[in-house]
Protein backbone atom coordinates (compact mmCIF):
# COMPACT_ATOMS: atom_id res chain seq x y z
CA MET A 1 27.03 14.00 -13.87
CA ASP A 2 28.46 10.84 -12.44
CA GLY A 3 27.39 10.14 -8.91
CA GLU A 4 24.71 12.93 -8.95
CA PRO A 5 21.22 11.72 -8.40
CA LEU A 6 18.74 12.14 -11.34
CA GLU A 7 16.14 13.31 -8.77
CA ARG A 8 15.76 14.38 -5.21
CA ARG A 9 12.71 14.15 -3.04
CA VAL A 10 11.42 17.33 -1.76
CA SER A 11 9.30 17.91 1.32
CA ARG A 12 5.61 18.38 0.97
CA TRP A 13 4.54 21.88 0.45
CA ASP A 14 3.92 23.35 3.88
CA GLY A 15 1.17 25.85 3.07
CA GLU A 16 3.33 28.85 3.98
CA ALA A 17 4.46 29.75 0.57
CA ASP A 18 2.34 31.81 -1.79
CA VAL A 19 -0.26 29.48 -3.32
CA ALA A 20 0.28 31.10 -6.85
CA ASP A 21 4.04 30.37 -6.61
CA HIS A 22 3.34 26.80 -5.60
CA LEU A 23 0.99 26.34 -8.51
CA ARG A 24 3.53 27.85 -10.88
CA SER A 25 6.29 25.38 -9.67
CA THR A 26 4.47 22.10 -9.41
CA ILE A 27 3.54 19.91 -12.26
CA ARG A 28 0.84 17.51 -11.06
CA ILE A 29 0.30 13.99 -12.58
CA SER A 30 -3.16 12.90 -11.83
CA CYS A 31 -5.74 10.77 -13.68
CA GLY A 32 -9.09 12.41 -13.95
CA TYR A 33 -10.80 12.22 -17.31
CA ALA A 34 -9.24 15.49 -18.74
CA GLY A 35 -7.60 13.77 -21.66
CA THR A 36 -4.29 14.35 -20.08
CA VAL A 37 -2.72 13.59 -16.73
CA LEU A 38 -0.65 16.71 -16.65
CA TRP A 39 -1.87 19.62 -14.59
CA PHE A 40 -0.13 22.88 -14.10
CA VAL A 41 -1.03 26.33 -12.95
CA GLY A 42 -4.51 25.09 -12.03
CA GLY A 43 -5.49 23.42 -15.31
CA PRO A 44 -4.84 20.53 -17.60
CA VAL A 45 -1.93 20.56 -20.00
CA ASP A 46 -2.48 18.78 -23.29
CA TYR A 47 0.57 16.62 -24.07
CA PRO A 48 1.53 18.44 -27.31
CA ASP A 49 1.69 21.68 -25.26
CA SER A 50 3.98 20.14 -22.61
CA GLY A 51 7.08 19.76 -24.72
CA LEU A 52 7.71 16.32 -23.13
CA SER A 53 9.10 13.56 -25.33
CA ASP A 54 6.72 11.58 -27.43
CA GLN A 55 7.55 8.37 -25.64
CA LEU A 56 6.87 9.94 -22.21
CA CYS A 57 3.53 11.35 -23.52
CA ASP A 58 2.57 7.93 -24.79
CA ASP A 59 3.56 6.37 -21.39
CA LEU A 60 1.51 8.94 -19.47
CA ALA A 61 -1.53 8.40 -21.79
CA GLU A 62 -1.23 4.65 -21.31
CA TRP A 63 -1.01 5.13 -17.46
CA GLU A 64 -4.32 7.07 -17.64
CA ARG A 65 -5.83 4.38 -19.93
CA VAL A 66 -5.10 1.72 -17.31
CA TYR A 67 -6.65 3.79 -14.66
CA ASP A 68 -9.80 4.60 -16.70
CA GLU A 69 -10.31 0.95 -17.55
CA ALA A 70 -9.81 -0.10 -13.82
CA MET A 71 -12.19 2.44 -12.50
CA VAL A 72 -15.20 1.15 -14.63
CA PRO A 73 -17.83 0.51 -13.49
CA ASP A 74 -17.45 1.00 -9.67
CA PHE A 75 -14.40 3.33 -9.33
CA ALA A 76 -12.57 0.75 -7.40
CA TRP A 77 -9.33 -1.26 -8.20
CA GLY A 78 -9.89 -4.82 -8.80
CA SER A 79 -6.98 -5.72 -6.55
CA ILE A 80 -4.40 -4.17 -4.31
CA ASP A 81 -1.66 -5.51 -6.66
CA LYS A 82 -3.24 -3.61 -9.62
CA GLU A 83 -3.41 -0.40 -7.48
CA ARG A 84 0.14 -0.73 -6.25
CA ALA A 85 1.39 -1.38 -9.82
CA HIS A 86 -0.32 1.73 -10.88
CA SER A 87 1.15 3.83 -8.15
CA GLU A 88 4.63 2.52 -8.82
CA GLU A 89 4.19 3.38 -12.59
CA GLY A 90 2.98 6.84 -11.57
CA LEU A 91 6.17 7.41 -9.49
CA ARG A 92 8.32 6.13 -12.40
CA LEU A 93 6.65 8.55 -14.83
CA ALA A 94 6.95 11.44 -12.26
CA ARG A 95 10.69 10.75 -12.08
CA VAL A 96 10.92 10.74 -16.02
CA VAL A 97 8.92 14.10 -16.19
CA ALA A 98 11.32 15.61 -13.47
CA GLU A 99 14.30 14.34 -15.34
CA GLU A 100 13.03 16.04 -18.52
CA VAL A 101 12.17 19.38 -17.02
CA GLY A 102 14.93 19.66 -14.52
CA ASP A 103 15.05 21.51 -11.16
CA ALA A 104 12.85 24.50 -12.08
CA PHE A 105 9.81 22.47 -11.34
CA GLU A 106 8.64 19.94 -8.80
CA VAL A 107 6.59 16.87 -10.06
CA GLU A 108 3.88 15.58 -7.92
CA VAL A 109 1.95 12.40 -8.21
CA ASP A 110 -0.64 10.91 -5.87
CA ASP A 111 0.91 7.82 -4.14
CA PRO A 112 -1.11 6.43 -1.18
CA ASP A 113 1.98 4.44 -0.08
CA SER A 114 4.28 7.52 0.10
CA SER A 115 4.26 10.06 3.02
CA ASP A 116 5.41 12.80 0.60
CA SER A 117 2.82 12.15 -2.08
CA GLY A 118 5.41 11.44 -4.67
CA ARG A 119 6.93 14.84 -4.95
CA ILE A 120 10.06 14.74 -7.01
CA LYS A 121 12.43 17.39 -8.35
CA GLY A 122 14.84 16.88 -11.16
CA VAL A 123 18.42 18.00 -11.03
CA GLY A 124 20.06 20.71 -13.19
CA GLN A 125 18.47 22.07 -16.39
CA GLY A 126 16.71 18.82 -17.39
CA ALA A 127 17.21 16.47 -20.32
CA ASN A 128 14.50 17.99 -22.45
CA PRO A 129 15.00 21.83 -23.01
CA ALA A 130 11.78 21.96 -25.02
CA ALA A 131 9.69 20.60 -22.02
CA ALA A 132 11.36 22.98 -19.57
CA ALA A 133 10.69 25.92 -21.96
CA ALA A 134 7.05 24.85 -22.54
CA PHE A 135 6.29 24.94 -18.77
CA ARG A 136 8.29 28.26 -18.34
CA GLU A 137 6.05 29.65 -21.15
CA LEU A 138 2.90 28.48 -19.23
CA VAL A 139 4.30 30.36 -16.12
CA ARG A 140 4.90 33.46 -18.24
CA GLN A 141 1.21 33.25 -19.59
CA ASP A 142 -0.12 32.80 -16.09
CA LEU A 143 1.87 35.81 -14.72
CA GLU A 144 0.63 37.98 -17.56
CA VAL A 145 -2.96 37.08 -16.87
CA ALA A 146 -2.53 37.53 -13.12
CA GLY A 147 -1.04 40.96 -13.82
CA ARG A 148 -3.97 41.88 -15.95
CA ILE A 149 -6.49 40.76 -13.26
CA GLN A 150 -4.50 42.71 -10.58
CA ARG A 151 -4.59 45.83 -12.70
CA ALA A 152 -8.34 45.42 -13.44
CA ARG A 153 -8.93 45.06 -9.63
CA GLU A 154 -6.90 48.09 -8.91
CA ASN A 155 -9.12 49.99 -11.42
CA GLY A 156 -12.29 48.80 -9.58
CA ALA A 157 -13.35 46.16 -11.92
CA GLN A 158 -15.70 43.38 -10.76
CA LEU A 159 -14.35 40.11 -12.11
CA TYR A 160 -16.05 36.98 -13.10
CA PHE A 161 -13.97 33.85 -13.92
CA THR A 162 -14.48 31.00 -16.21
CA HIS A 163 -12.23 28.05 -17.06
CA LEU A 164 -12.82 28.22 -20.84
CA PRO A 165 -9.99 27.78 -23.11
CA PRO A 166 -8.96 30.97 -24.98
CA ASP A 167 -10.40 29.67 -28.18
CA GLU A 168 -13.77 29.23 -26.55
CA GLY A 169 -13.92 32.73 -24.90
CA GLY A 170 -11.72 32.24 -21.87
CA LEU A 171 -9.28 34.85 -20.64
CA GLN A 172 -6.11 34.94 -22.82
CA PRO A 173 -2.90 37.04 -22.77
CA ASP A 174 -2.84 40.04 -25.17
């Protein structure tokens, strides 16, 4: 809509909300050698599973590639200008992710120059219904697993957790 901002900054999570709800509402963008910079409900999200546009996924992968190259061999930026440019690009990418997924999710990116750590929320339903639907599906799957865990606990089960993908023996929805 004309005159309506594409994004609005949101205050940093204050710790009072339920942690699980926070994890289910915040898409985190963070470089970290996972093959993706997208993190949601506690784990990495592969680009094809995100529903985000191909161009955005390419841009996110390039942002991580720049980080990976800069951090070798001593895990330090070669200059403050390179670090600042990477931060600015991360914020730009977070805005695009927020624009695609809409106001159902917050997008967070580490930004050392920002007091709110780059938390951004889109407006409305989002420009990319497939992306919003993909992240809603991840929430649905997480809630289903959480329900199974709760029922198992109520029945006296002792639970042990792994972070294996379902195809490698990790917990998966029925």
